[in-house]
N, C-alpha and C. Protein backbone atom coordinates (compact mmCIF):
# COMPACT_ATOMS: atom_id res chain seq x y z
N MET A 1 10.68 -4.93 1.27
CA MET A 1 10.04 -3.53 1.99
C MET A 1 11.95 -3.61 3.00
N VAL A 2 11.06 -2.41 3.23
CA VAL A 2 12.80 -1.68 3.44
C VAL A 2 11.89 -0.28 5.06
N ARG A 3 12.15 -0.48 5.94
CA ARG A 3 11.23 -0.20 6.99
C ARG A 3 12.46 0.66 7.79
N GLN A 4 12.67 2.08 7.88
CA GLN A 4 12.53 2.79 9.09
C GLN A 4 12.82 2.09 10.50
N THR A 5 13.58 2.30 11.45
CA THR A 5 13.15 2.26 12.78
C THR A 5 14.00 3.19 14.06
N GLU A 6 13.72 3.19 15.21
CA GLU A 6 14.95 4.04 15.89
C GLU A 6 16.11 3.67 15.85
N ASP A 7 16.53 2.47 15.38
CA ASP A 7 17.85 1.25 15.63
C ASP A 7 18.80 1.95 14.18
N GLY A 8 17.35 1.50 12.70
CA GLY A 8 18.18 1.37 11.97
C GLY A 8 17.40 1.19 11.17
N LEU A 9 17.32 0.30 10.07
CA LEU A 9 16.63 0.08 9.43
C LEU A 9 16.64 -2.01 9.17
N TYR A 10 15.56 -2.17 8.68
CA TYR A 10 15.44 -3.76 8.27
C TYR A 10 14.70 -3.94 7.05
N VAL A 11 15.00 -5.48 6.81
CA VAL A 11 14.13 -5.45 5.44
C VAL A 11 13.64 -6.67 5.52
N THR A 12 12.45 -6.77 5.07
CA THR A 12 11.77 -8.22 4.85
C THR A 12 10.76 -8.44 3.38
N SER A 13 10.86 -9.87 3.31
CA SER A 13 10.19 -9.15 1.19
C SER A 13 8.73 -10.79 1.94
N PRO A 14 7.90 -10.68 1.40
CA PRO A 14 6.89 -11.73 0.86
C PRO A 14 7.46 -12.95 0.14
N GLN A 15 8.46 -12.35 -1.14
CA GLN A 15 9.24 -13.00 -2.14
C GLN A 15 10.25 -13.97 -1.41
N LEU A 16 10.53 -14.17 0.11
CA LEU A 16 11.30 -14.47 0.90
C LEU A 16 11.21 -15.00 2.20
N PRO A 17 10.12 -15.55 2.81
CA PRO A 17 9.09 -16.13 3.71
C PRO A 17 10.73 -16.55 5.09
N GLY A 18 10.25 -16.13 6.12
CA GLY A 18 11.46 -15.92 6.66
C GLY A 18 12.81 -15.01 7.16
N PHE A 19 12.89 -14.25 6.24
CA PHE A 19 13.60 -13.23 5.36
C PHE A 19 14.37 -12.38 6.54
N MET A 20 15.03 -11.21 7.20
CA MET A 20 14.89 -10.25 7.85
C MET A 20 16.10 -10.52 7.80
N TYR A 21 16.68 -8.51 7.28
CA TYR A 21 17.79 -8.31 7.91
C TYR A 21 18.42 -7.14 7.95
N GLY A 22 18.83 -6.29 8.79
CA GLY A 22 18.62 -4.99 8.89
C GLY A 22 20.32 -4.32 9.26
N ARG A 23 20.52 -2.76 9.59
CA ARG A 23 22.03 -2.49 8.52
C ARG A 23 21.11 -1.16 9.93
N LYS A 24 22.87 -0.41 9.93
CA LYS A 24 21.84 1.20 10.53
C LYS A 24 21.84 1.95 9.63
N ARG A 25 22.08 2.22 8.39
CA ARG A 25 22.56 2.30 6.88
C ARG A 25 22.19 2.21 6.02
N LEU A 26 20.99 2.79 5.06
CA LEU A 26 20.84 2.17 3.17
C LEU A 26 21.33 1.98 2.91
N SER A 27 22.74 2.82 2.65
CA SER A 27 24.03 2.08 1.63
C SER A 27 24.59 0.69 2.48
N GLU A 28 24.68 0.62 3.84
CA GLU A 28 25.25 -0.33 4.62
C GLU A 28 24.03 -1.74 3.75
N MET A 29 23.03 -1.33 3.77
CA MET A 29 22.44 -2.30 3.75
C MET A 29 22.03 -2.48 2.40
N ARG A 30 22.02 -1.74 1.34
CA ARG A 30 22.74 -1.68 -0.40
C ARG A 30 24.18 -3.09 -0.80
N ALA A 31 24.70 -2.78 0.53
CA ALA A 31 26.20 -2.94 0.00
C ALA A 31 25.96 -4.96 0.28
N GLY A 32 25.52 -5.17 1.53
CA GLY A 32 25.65 -6.80 1.67
C GLY A 32 23.87 -7.40 1.15
N LEU A 33 23.05 -6.57 0.98
CA LEU A 33 22.00 -7.31 0.48
C LEU A 33 22.15 -8.72 -0.59
N GLN A 34 22.67 -8.94 -1.81
CA GLN A 34 22.46 -9.31 -2.90
C GLN A 34 23.48 -10.76 -1.92
N ASP A 35 24.87 -10.77 -1.41
CA ASP A 35 24.94 -11.74 0.05
C ASP A 35 24.19 -12.64 0.29
N VAL A 36 23.01 -11.23 1.73
CA VAL A 36 22.31 -11.83 2.36
C VAL A 36 21.18 -12.70 1.93
N ILE A 37 20.14 -12.60 0.53
CA ILE A 37 20.06 -12.83 0.02
C ILE A 37 20.28 -14.72 -0.67
N SER A 38 21.58 -14.54 -1.33
CA SER A 38 22.06 -15.68 -1.63
C SER A 38 22.40 -17.00 -0.62
N PHE A 39 22.75 -16.11 0.67
CA PHE A 39 22.87 -17.37 2.23
C PHE A 39 21.61 -17.73 1.99
N HIS A 40 20.48 -17.03 2.34
CA HIS A 40 18.97 -17.08 2.65
C HIS A 40 18.44 -18.22 1.70
N LEU A 41 18.85 -18.61 0.36
CA LEU A 41 18.41 -18.77 -1.24
C LEU A 41 19.22 -20.25 -1.38
N ASP A 42 20.18 -19.93 -0.06
CA ASP A 42 21.24 -21.08 -0.81
C ASP A 42 21.47 -21.09 -1.99
N GLN A 43 21.12 -19.77 -3.03
CA GLN A 43 21.89 -19.95 -4.19
C GLN A 43 22.77 -18.76 -4.86
N ARG A 44 23.55 -18.74 -5.32
CA ARG A 44 23.84 -17.78 -6.29
C ARG A 44 22.91 -16.49 -6.95
N GLY A 45 23.44 -15.76 -6.35
CA GLY A 45 22.83 -14.01 -6.92
C GLY A 45 23.46 -14.23 -8.53
N PRO A 46 22.75 -13.24 -9.24
CA PRO A 46 23.02 -10.95 -8.19
C PRO A 46 21.23 -12.01 -9.00
N PHE A 47 20.56 -10.87 -8.16
CA PHE A 47 18.85 -11.19 -7.64
C PHE A 47 18.27 -10.10 -8.05
N GLN A 48 17.33 -9.78 -8.51
CA GLN A 48 16.56 -8.58 -9.15
C GLN A 48 15.94 -7.78 -7.46
N VAL A 49 15.82 -6.83 -7.71
CA VAL A 49 15.50 -6.52 -6.35
C VAL A 49 14.91 -4.69 -6.27
N ILE A 50 13.81 -5.01 -5.81
CA ILE A 50 12.42 -3.58 -6.16
C ILE A 50 13.15 -3.45 -4.68
N GLU A 51 13.29 -2.25 -4.20
CA GLU A 51 12.73 -1.55 -2.84
C GLU A 51 11.33 -0.70 -2.42
N HIS A 52 11.53 -1.33 -1.30
CA HIS A 52 9.95 -1.02 -1.14
C HIS A 52 10.10 0.35 0.40
N HIS A 53 10.38 1.11 0.08
CA HIS A 53 10.17 2.19 1.35
C HIS A 53 9.38 2.17 2.70
N GLU A 54 9.33 1.41 3.22
CA GLU A 54 7.67 1.65 4.66
C GLU A 54 8.06 3.07 5.43
N ARG A 55 7.32 3.90 5.66
CA ARG A 55 7.19 4.41 6.93
C ARG A 55 6.10 4.15 7.76
N HIS A 56 6.15 4.43 8.58
CA HIS A 56 4.86 3.64 10.24
C HIS A 56 4.48 5.57 10.93
N TYR A 57 3.56 5.40 10.45
CA TYR A 57 2.84 6.45 11.70
C TYR A 57 1.88 6.09 12.99
N ASP A 58 2.14 6.42 13.99
CA ASP A 58 1.07 6.17 15.52
C ASP A 58 0.32 7.18 15.02
N ILE A 59 -1.14 7.04 15.17
CA ILE A 59 -2.14 8.63 14.40
C ILE A 59 -3.05 8.51 15.70
N ALA A 60 -3.45 8.84 16.63
CA ALA A 60 -4.66 8.58 17.41
C ALA A 60 -4.16 7.23 17.58
N ASP A 61 -5.59 6.31 17.89
CA ASP A 61 -5.65 5.04 18.01
C ASP A 61 -5.14 4.64 17.48
N GLY A 62 -4.71 4.19 16.04
CA GLY A 62 -4.18 3.35 14.95
C GLY A 62 -2.81 3.31 14.42
N GLU A 63 -2.41 2.76 13.55
CA GLU A 63 -0.87 3.33 12.86
C GLU A 63 -1.21 2.60 11.77
N LEU A 64 -0.14 3.43 10.80
CA LEU A 64 -0.51 4.05 9.52
C LEU A 64 0.37 3.63 8.58
N VAL A 65 0.56 3.08 7.57
CA VAL A 65 2.55 3.06 7.19
C VAL A 65 1.88 3.11 5.33
N THR A 66 2.50 3.91 4.70
CA THR A 66 2.65 4.51 4.25
C THR A 66 4.15 3.90 2.83
N ARG A 67 3.69 2.57 2.41
CA ARG A 67 4.90 2.24 1.07
C ARG A 67 4.69 2.90 -0.33
N LEU A 68 6.49 3.00 -0.38
CA LEU A 68 6.66 3.30 -1.70
C LEU A 68 7.98 2.66 -2.65
N ALA A 69 7.31 2.47 -4.02
CA ALA A 69 8.56 1.76 -4.80
C ALA A 69 9.60 2.36 -4.54
N ASN A 70 10.82 2.14 -5.03
CA ASN A 70 12.29 2.80 -5.77
C ASN A 70 12.04 1.73 -7.52
N ASP A 71 11.17 2.43 -8.63
CA ASP A 71 10.86 1.55 -9.37
C ASP A 71 11.02 2.28 -10.75
N ASN A 72 11.22 1.57 -11.86
CA ASN A 72 10.56 2.94 -13.29
C ASN A 72 9.84 3.87 -12.52
N TYR A 73 8.73 3.53 -12.07
CA TYR A 73 7.68 5.27 -12.18
C TYR A 73 7.97 5.84 -10.30
N ALA A 74 9.02 5.64 -10.25
CA ALA A 74 9.71 6.28 -8.47
C ALA A 74 8.96 7.42 -8.05
N ALA A 75 9.46 8.01 -9.91
CA ALA A 75 8.76 9.71 -9.65
C ALA A 75 7.35 10.11 -9.43
N GLU A 76 6.24 9.45 -10.47
CA GLU A 76 5.03 9.54 -10.48
C GLU A 76 4.66 8.76 -8.54
N ARG A 77 5.01 7.66 -7.92
CA ARG A 77 5.06 7.29 -7.01
C ARG A 77 6.47 8.60 -5.60
N GLN A 78 6.36 8.97 -5.58
CA GLN A 78 7.02 10.43 -5.69
C GLN A 78 5.89 11.56 -4.73
N ILE A 79 5.30 11.35 -6.15
CA ILE A 79 4.17 12.70 -5.99
C ILE A 79 2.95 11.58 -4.52
N VAL A 80 2.41 10.77 -5.11
CA VAL A 80 1.45 10.08 -4.48
C VAL A 80 2.18 10.30 -3.15
N TYR A 81 3.32 9.54 -2.70
CA TYR A 81 3.90 9.65 -1.00
C TYR A 81 3.81 11.06 -0.69
N GLU A 82 4.25 12.32 -1.96
CA GLU A 82 4.18 13.66 -0.63
C GLU A 82 2.65 13.94 -0.57
N ARG A 83 1.66 13.48 -1.72
CA ARG A 83 0.81 14.28 -0.88
C ARG A 83 0.32 13.39 -0.33
N LEU A 84 -0.31 12.10 0.50
CA LEU A 84 -0.32 10.92 1.92
C LEU A 84 0.43 12.16 2.88
N GLY A 85 1.96 12.60 2.53
CA GLY A 85 2.44 13.35 3.67
C GLY A 85 1.70 14.53 4.20
N ARG A 86 1.11 15.25 2.95
CA ARG A 86 0.22 16.48 3.51
C ARG A 86 -1.12 15.98 4.64
N ALA A 87 -1.18 15.49 3.63
CA ALA A 87 -2.64 14.68 4.44
C ALA A 87 -2.77 14.30 6.41
N ILE A 88 -1.47 13.01 6.20
CA ILE A 88 -1.11 12.73 7.54
C ILE A 88 -0.21 14.09 8.63
N ARG A 89 -0.16 15.24 8.27
CA ARG A 89 0.04 16.11 8.74
C ARG A 89 -1.28 17.26 9.22
N ASP A 90 -2.01 17.42 8.25
CA ASP A 90 -3.39 17.48 9.02
C ASP A 90 -3.99 16.33 9.55
N SER A 91 -4.06 17.03 11.32
CA SER A 91 -4.85 16.04 12.18
C SER A 91 -6.40 15.00 11.54
N ARG A 92 -6.69 15.87 11.44
CA ARG A 92 -8.15 16.22 10.32
C ARG A 92 -7.81 14.59 9.53
N GLN A 93 -7.71 14.89 8.65
CA GLN A 93 -6.98 14.00 7.31
C GLN A 93 -6.72 12.34 7.98
N ALA A 94 -5.67 13.13 9.18
CA ALA A 94 -4.78 11.37 9.56
C ALA A 94 -6.10 11.15 10.51
N ASP A 95 -6.57 11.30 11.37
CA ASP A 95 -7.34 10.35 12.03
C ASP A 95 -8.22 9.82 10.81
N SER A 96 -8.47 9.93 9.51
CA SER A 96 -9.74 9.42 8.82
C SER A 96 -8.24 8.62 8.16
N LEU A 97 -6.81 8.74 7.55
CA LEU A 97 -6.41 7.73 7.63
C LEU A 97 -6.57 6.19 7.58
N ALA A 98 -5.98 6.92 8.60
CA ALA A 98 -5.82 5.87 10.22
C ALA A 98 -6.97 5.02 10.42
N GLN A 99 -8.59 5.43 10.09
CA GLN A 99 -9.94 4.67 10.45
C GLN A 99 -9.41 4.12 9.45
N GLY A 100 -9.06 3.53 8.53
CA GLY A 100 -9.45 2.36 7.08
C GLY A 100 -9.15 0.82 7.98
N VAL A 101 -9.31 0.19 6.47
CA VAL A 101 -9.53 -1.54 7.26
C VAL A 101 -7.78 -1.42 7.58
N ALA A 102 -7.69 -1.63 8.51
CA ALA A 102 -6.46 -2.90 8.76
C ALA A 102 -6.05 -3.34 8.56
N ASN A 103 -4.47 -4.31 8.18
CA ASN A 103 -3.76 -5.49 7.98
C ASN A 103 -3.82 -6.47 8.95
N SER A 104 -3.70 -7.79 9.06
CA SER A 104 -3.75 -8.57 9.92
C SER A 104 -2.78 -7.99 10.96
N VAL A 105 -1.80 -7.45 11.13
CA VAL A 105 -1.03 -6.61 12.06
C VAL A 105 -1.81 -5.45 13.00
N GLY A 106 -2.46 -4.92 12.34
CA GLY A 106 -3.44 -3.88 12.90
C GLY A 106 -2.69 -2.30 11.58
N GLU A 107 -1.85 -2.48 10.82
CA GLU A 107 -1.77 -1.28 10.03
C GLU A 107 -2.51 -1.06 9.01
N VAL A 108 -3.12 0.08 9.04
CA VAL A 108 -3.38 0.78 7.32
C VAL A 108 -2.63 1.11 6.42
N VAL A 109 -2.35 0.35 5.41
CA VAL A 109 -1.29 0.71 4.85
C VAL A 109 -1.49 0.54 3.48
N TYR A 110 -1.23 2.58 2.91
CA TYR A 110 -0.76 2.86 1.97
C TYR A 110 -0.40 2.60 0.81
N VAL A 111 -0.26 2.10 -0.18
CA VAL A 111 0.18 1.81 -1.32
C VAL A 111 0.90 3.23 -2.25
N CYS A 112 1.89 3.75 -2.18
CA CYS A 112 1.72 4.61 -3.69
C CYS A 112 1.47 4.11 -4.55
N ALA A 113 0.75 4.45 -5.72
CA ALA A 113 0.55 3.70 -6.24
C ALA A 113 0.15 4.53 -7.58
N VAL A 114 0.52 3.64 -9.07
CA VAL A 114 0.27 4.87 -10.23
C VAL A 114 -0.85 3.81 -10.74
N PRO A 115 -1.70 4.46 -12.12
CA PRO A 115 -2.78 4.02 -12.42
C PRO A 115 -2.32 2.72 -13.49
N SER A 116 -1.19 2.58 -14.33
CA SER A 116 -0.62 0.83 -14.31
C SER A 116 -0.26 0.28 -13.68
N ASP A 117 -0.36 0.05 -12.58
CA ASP A 117 -0.08 -0.63 -11.61
C ASP A 117 -1.10 -1.90 -11.47
N THR A 118 -0.81 -3.71 -11.74
CA THR A 118 -1.46 -4.22 -11.47
C THR A 118 -1.94 -5.14 -10.05
N LEU A 119 -3.35 -5.64 -9.82
CA LEU A 119 -3.51 -6.30 -9.04
C LEU A 119 -2.75 -6.99 -8.25
N GLY A 120 -1.95 -7.89 -9.37
CA GLY A 120 -1.21 -8.73 -9.31
C GLY A 120 0.09 -8.10 -8.59
N TRP A 121 0.29 -7.32 -9.42
CA TRP A 121 2.09 -6.30 -8.60
C TRP A 121 1.59 -6.16 -7.65
N LEU A 122 0.14 -5.84 -7.05
CA LEU A 122 0.43 -4.90 -5.85
C LEU A 122 -0.40 -5.98 -4.80
N ASN A 123 -0.42 -7.59 -4.76
CA ASN A 123 -0.60 -8.16 -4.31
C ASN A 123 0.60 -9.25 -3.81
N GLU A 124 1.58 -8.69 -4.69
CA GLU A 124 2.89 -9.42 -4.36
C GLU A 124 3.12 -9.01 -3.32
N GLN A 125 2.98 -8.16 -2.86
CA GLN A 125 3.36 -6.86 -1.71
C GLN A 125 2.74 -7.71 0.21
N LEU A 126 1.96 -8.42 -0.28
CA LEU A 126 1.61 -9.20 1.10
C LEU A 126 2.14 -10.05 1.72
N PHE A 127 2.02 -9.58 2.50
CA PHE A 127 2.99 -11.27 3.49
C PHE A 127 2.28 -11.72 3.86
N ASP A 128 1.05 -11.90 3.80
CA ASP A 128 -0.19 -12.47 4.38
C ASP A 128 -1.48 -12.40 3.29
N PRO A 129 -1.62 -13.20 1.95
CA PRO A 129 -2.08 -13.27 0.98
C PRO A 129 -3.51 -13.27 1.08
N SER A 130 -4.17 -13.64 2.78
CA SER A 130 -5.83 -12.86 3.03
C SER A 130 -5.19 -11.36 3.62
N ASP A 131 -4.91 -10.62 3.46
CA ASP A 131 -4.18 -8.98 4.32
C ASP A 131 -5.54 -7.83 3.15
N ALA A 132 -5.02 -7.11 4.23
CA ALA A 132 -5.86 -5.79 3.26
C ALA A 132 -4.92 -4.42 3.24
N PHE A 133 -5.02 -3.72 1.96
CA PHE A 133 -3.83 -2.79 1.75
C PHE A 133 -5.33 -1.71 0.92
N TYR A 134 -4.82 0.00 0.40
CA TYR A 134 -4.93 0.56 -0.11
C TYR A 134 -4.10 0.94 -1.30
N ALA A 135 -4.66 0.75 -1.81
CA ALA A 135 -3.45 2.42 -3.15
C ALA A 135 -3.97 3.22 -3.46
N ALA A 136 -3.14 3.96 -3.29
CA ALA A 136 -3.36 5.58 -3.82
C ALA A 136 -2.57 6.18 -4.50
N VAL A 137 -3.00 7.13 -5.26
CA VAL A 137 -3.10 7.04 -7.28
C VAL A 137 -3.45 8.71 -6.76
N THR A 138 -3.18 9.74 -7.01
CA THR A 138 -3.26 11.04 -7.72
C THR A 138 -4.47 11.27 -8.70
N VAL A 139 -4.94 12.07 -8.62
CA VAL A 139 -6.18 12.70 -8.66
C VAL A 139 -6.26 14.37 -8.88
N GLY A 140 -6.16 14.66 -10.05
CA GLY A 140 -6.13 16.20 -10.53
C GLY A 140 -4.46 16.62 -9.75
N GLU A 141 -4.63 18.14 -9.99
CA GLU A 141 -3.78 18.41 -8.97
C GLU A 141 -2.95 18.31 -8.21
N GLU A 142 -3.89 18.26 -7.22
CA GLU A 142 -3.75 18.20 -5.68
C GLU A 142 -4.00 16.99 -4.51
N MET A 143 -4.94 16.16 -6.09
CA MET A 143 -5.98 15.12 -4.64
C MET A 143 -5.58 13.74 -4.79
N LEU A 144 -6.36 13.04 -3.96
CA LEU A 144 -5.66 11.38 -3.68
C LEU A 144 -6.83 10.54 -4.31
N MET A 145 -7.04 9.42 -4.34
CA MET A 145 -7.24 8.67 -4.67
C MET A 145 -7.09 7.67 -3.81
N THR A 146 -8.14 7.33 -3.11
CA THR A 146 -7.65 4.99 -2.65
C THR A 146 -8.26 5.17 -2.72
N LEU A 147 -8.22 3.17 -2.29
CA LEU A 147 -9.01 2.48 -3.20
C LEU A 147 -8.89 1.01 -2.44
N PRO A 148 -9.43 1.00 -1.17
CA PRO A 148 -9.11 0.12 -0.39
C PRO A 148 -9.33 -1.80 -1.62
N PHE A 149 -8.31 -2.75 -0.16
CA PHE A 149 -8.40 -3.75 -1.79
C PHE A 149 -8.23 -4.95 0.27
N ALA A 150 -9.36 -5.87 0.28
CA ALA A 150 -9.09 -6.77 1.08
C ALA A 150 -9.32 -8.03 0.49
N HIS A 151 -8.58 -9.01 1.50
CA HIS A 151 -8.52 -10.16 0.79
C HIS A 151 -8.91 -11.27 1.96
N GLY A 152 -9.82 -12.38 2.00
CA GLY A 152 -9.85 -13.23 2.63
C GLY A 152 -11.12 -12.91 3.87
N ASP A 153 -10.94 -14.68 4.23
CA ASP A 153 -12.19 -14.41 4.97
C ASP A 153 -12.71 -12.78 6.07
N ALA A 154 -11.66 -12.79 6.58
CA ALA A 154 -11.29 -11.61 8.00
C ALA A 154 -12.40 -10.77 7.33
N TYR A 155 -12.10 -10.26 5.76
CA TYR A 155 -13.29 -8.75 5.71
C TYR A 155 -13.86 -8.59 4.53
N ARG A 156 -14.65 -9.99 4.26
CA ARG A 156 -16.65 -10.51 4.30
C ARG A 156 -16.74 -9.66 4.47
N GLY A 157 -17.91 -9.10 3.76
CA GLY A 157 -18.98 -8.59 3.89
C GLY A 157 -18.57 -7.13 3.96
N LEU A 158 -17.13 -6.85 3.88
CA LEU A 158 -17.20 -5.03 3.51
C LEU A 158 -17.89 -3.82 2.40
N GLU A 159 -18.18 -3.10 2.41
CA GLU A 159 -18.86 -2.97 1.77
C GLU A 159 -17.61 -1.95 0.10
N ASP A 160 -17.40 -1.62 -0.40
CA ASP A 160 -16.74 -1.12 -2.06
C ASP A 160 -15.08 -1.62 -1.77
N THR A 161 -14.59 -2.87 -0.91
CA THR A 161 -13.41 -3.53 -0.74
C THR A 161 -13.27 -3.73 -2.27
N TYR A 162 -12.46 -3.44 -2.92
CA TYR A 162 -12.18 -4.95 -4.19
C TYR A 162 -10.58 -6.22 -3.83
N THR A 163 -11.00 -7.15 -4.75
CA THR A 163 -10.36 -8.57 -4.51
C THR A 163 -9.94 -9.26 -6.27
N ALA A 164 -8.67 -9.29 -6.43
CA ALA A 164 -9.05 -10.43 -7.43
C ALA A 164 -9.91 -11.27 -7.96
N GLY A 165 -10.79 -11.23 -8.75
CA GLY A 165 -11.75 -12.46 -8.93
C GLY A 165 -13.08 -12.02 -9.25
N VAL A 166 -12.75 -10.13 -8.04
CA VAL A 166 -14.87 -10.29 -7.56
C VAL A 166 -14.15 -9.16 -9.09
N ARG A 167 -15.82 -9.27 -9.27
CA ARG A 167 -16.86 -7.51 -10.15
C ARG A 167 -15.60 -8.37 -11.49
N GLY A 168 -15.54 -9.22 -11.39
CA GLY A 168 -14.59 -9.73 -12.70
C GLY A 168 -13.13 -8.70 -12.42
N TYR A 169 -12.63 -8.35 -11.69
CA TYR A 169 -10.70 -8.16 -12.10
C TYR A 169 -9.79 -9.44 -11.55
N ARG A 170 -8.78 -9.12 -12.42
CA ARG A 170 -8.52 -10.26 -12.63
C ARG A 170 -6.51 -9.81 -12.23
N LYS A 171 -6.15 -10.92 -12.17
CA LYS A 171 -4.52 -10.44 -11.18
C LYS A 171 -3.79 -9.54 -12.64
N ASN A 172 -4.05 -9.76 -13.94
CA ASN A 172 -3.86 -8.63 -14.90
C ASN A 172 -4.37 -7.53 -14.81
N THR A 173 -5.75 -7.01 -13.69
CA THR A 173 -6.24 -5.71 -14.19
C THR A 173 -5.52 -4.30 -13.83
N ARG A 174 -4.96 -3.69 -14.22
CA ARG A 174 -4.60 -2.68 -14.06
C ARG A 174 -5.40 -1.89 -12.98
N LEU A 175 -5.60 -0.20 -12.73
CA LEU A 175 -5.55 0.45 -11.58
C LEU A 175 -6.14 1.19 -12.55
N SER A 176 -6.42 0.93 -13.39
CA SER A 176 -6.75 2.14 -13.85
C SER A 176 -8.61 2.38 -14.32
N GLU A 177 -8.65 0.35 -14.80
CA GLU A 177 -9.65 -0.18 -15.11
C GLU A 177 -10.13 0.41 -13.28
N ILE A 178 -9.97 0.08 -12.32
CA ILE A 178 -10.26 -0.16 -11.76
C ILE A 178 -11.11 1.95 -10.90
N ILE A 179 -10.31 2.50 -11.06
CA ILE A 179 -10.87 4.28 -11.31
C ILE A 179 -12.08 3.64 -12.04
N GLN A 180 -11.33 4.27 -13.16
CA GLN A 180 -13.21 4.36 -14.84
C GLN A 180 -14.13 3.47 -13.99
N ASP A 181 -14.21 2.64 -13.09
CA ASP A 181 -15.11 1.56 -12.89
C ASP A 181 -16.04 2.53 -11.73
N THR A 182 -14.88 3.20 -10.82
CA THR A 182 -15.16 3.63 -9.30
C THR A 182 -16.05 5.19 -9.65
N ARG A 183 -17.75 5.01 -8.74
CA ARG A 183 -18.04 6.05 -8.48
C ARG A 183 -17.26 7.08 -7.67
N ILE A 184 -16.80 8.23 -7.92
CA ILE A 184 -15.83 8.82 -7.15
C ILE A 184 -17.47 9.91 -6.21
N VAL A 185 -17.91 10.40 -7.01
CA VAL A 185 -18.77 10.79 -6.37
C VAL A 185 -20.53 10.13 -6.34
N SER A 186 -20.60 10.07 -4.82
CA SER A 186 -21.93 9.90 -5.23
C SER A 186 -23.46 10.52 -5.01
N PRO A 187 -24.75 10.51 -5.49
CA PRO A 187 -25.52 11.55 -6.47
C PRO A 187 -25.92 11.58 -4.52
N VAL A 188 -26.09 13.07 -4.43
CA VAL A 188 -27.64 13.13 -3.53
C VAL A 188 -28.82 12.72 -3.04
N HIS A 189 -29.58 12.14 -2.20
CA HIS A 189 -30.22 11.87 -2.46
C HIS A 189 -31.15 12.67 -1.03
N GLN A 190 -32.09 13.36 -1.46
CA GLN A 190 -32.74 14.15 -0.89
C GLN A 190 -34.26 13.69 -0.45
N ARG A 191 -34.73 13.66 0.52
CA ARG A 191 -36.31 13.78 1.48
C ARG A 191 -37.98 14.41 1.23
N VAL A 192 -38.08 13.20 0.13
CA VAL A 192 -39.07 14.52 0.38
C VAL A 192 -40.02 14.57 1.23
N GLU A 193 -40.62 15.41 1.83
CA GLU A 193 -41.80 15.42 2.95
C GLU A 193 -42.51 16.73 1.94
N ALA A 194 -43.90 15.55 2.44
CA ALA A 194 -45.30 16.12 1.84
C ALA A 194 -46.21 16.91 2.68
N GLU A 195 -45.96 18.61 2.66
CA GLU A 195 -46.49 19.69 3.08
C GLU A 195 -48.19 18.79 3.65
N THR A 196 -48.14 19.51 5.05
CA THR A 196 -49.92 18.57 5.40
C THR A 196 -50.51 19.98 6.03
């Protein structure tokens, strides 16, 4: 994960416990990353690295993070990222996004996802295997769908959250399958009162 701070960039990885590497510029970070990973693992590279760029927002009383993978689907993920950015610039929508299910450090994380992403791939991005995040995917011309995923005892009882092993979902389950199973519009229930 590459996160921008006031002092530069720092890199961490769920696959490399205890790993942290900082630089002022992205080009500097990329130039030295293979050597730093080699040192950390005490083995020779090269290593396959997929950058996940995070952006942190302080919104009202909450913290929101967007995460964008620079992989083969980067162009599609960029569209999700741009739509999230537009929503964050609208104070009403930003407040709603920031009120979601927070992870173990208090951040509400939105992963820019595509329908072919699997639960396993999404879960590999977690530093704590019992944590929470949202998968954000594009729907239609201008809309986003956000799917909450929560793992572990701390999130038991939360409605409308997804986890591997629940509802028959496995690590190889694609988001497209979950989207097909998700009711997007709930029916309106009207209360009928008897006239007296």
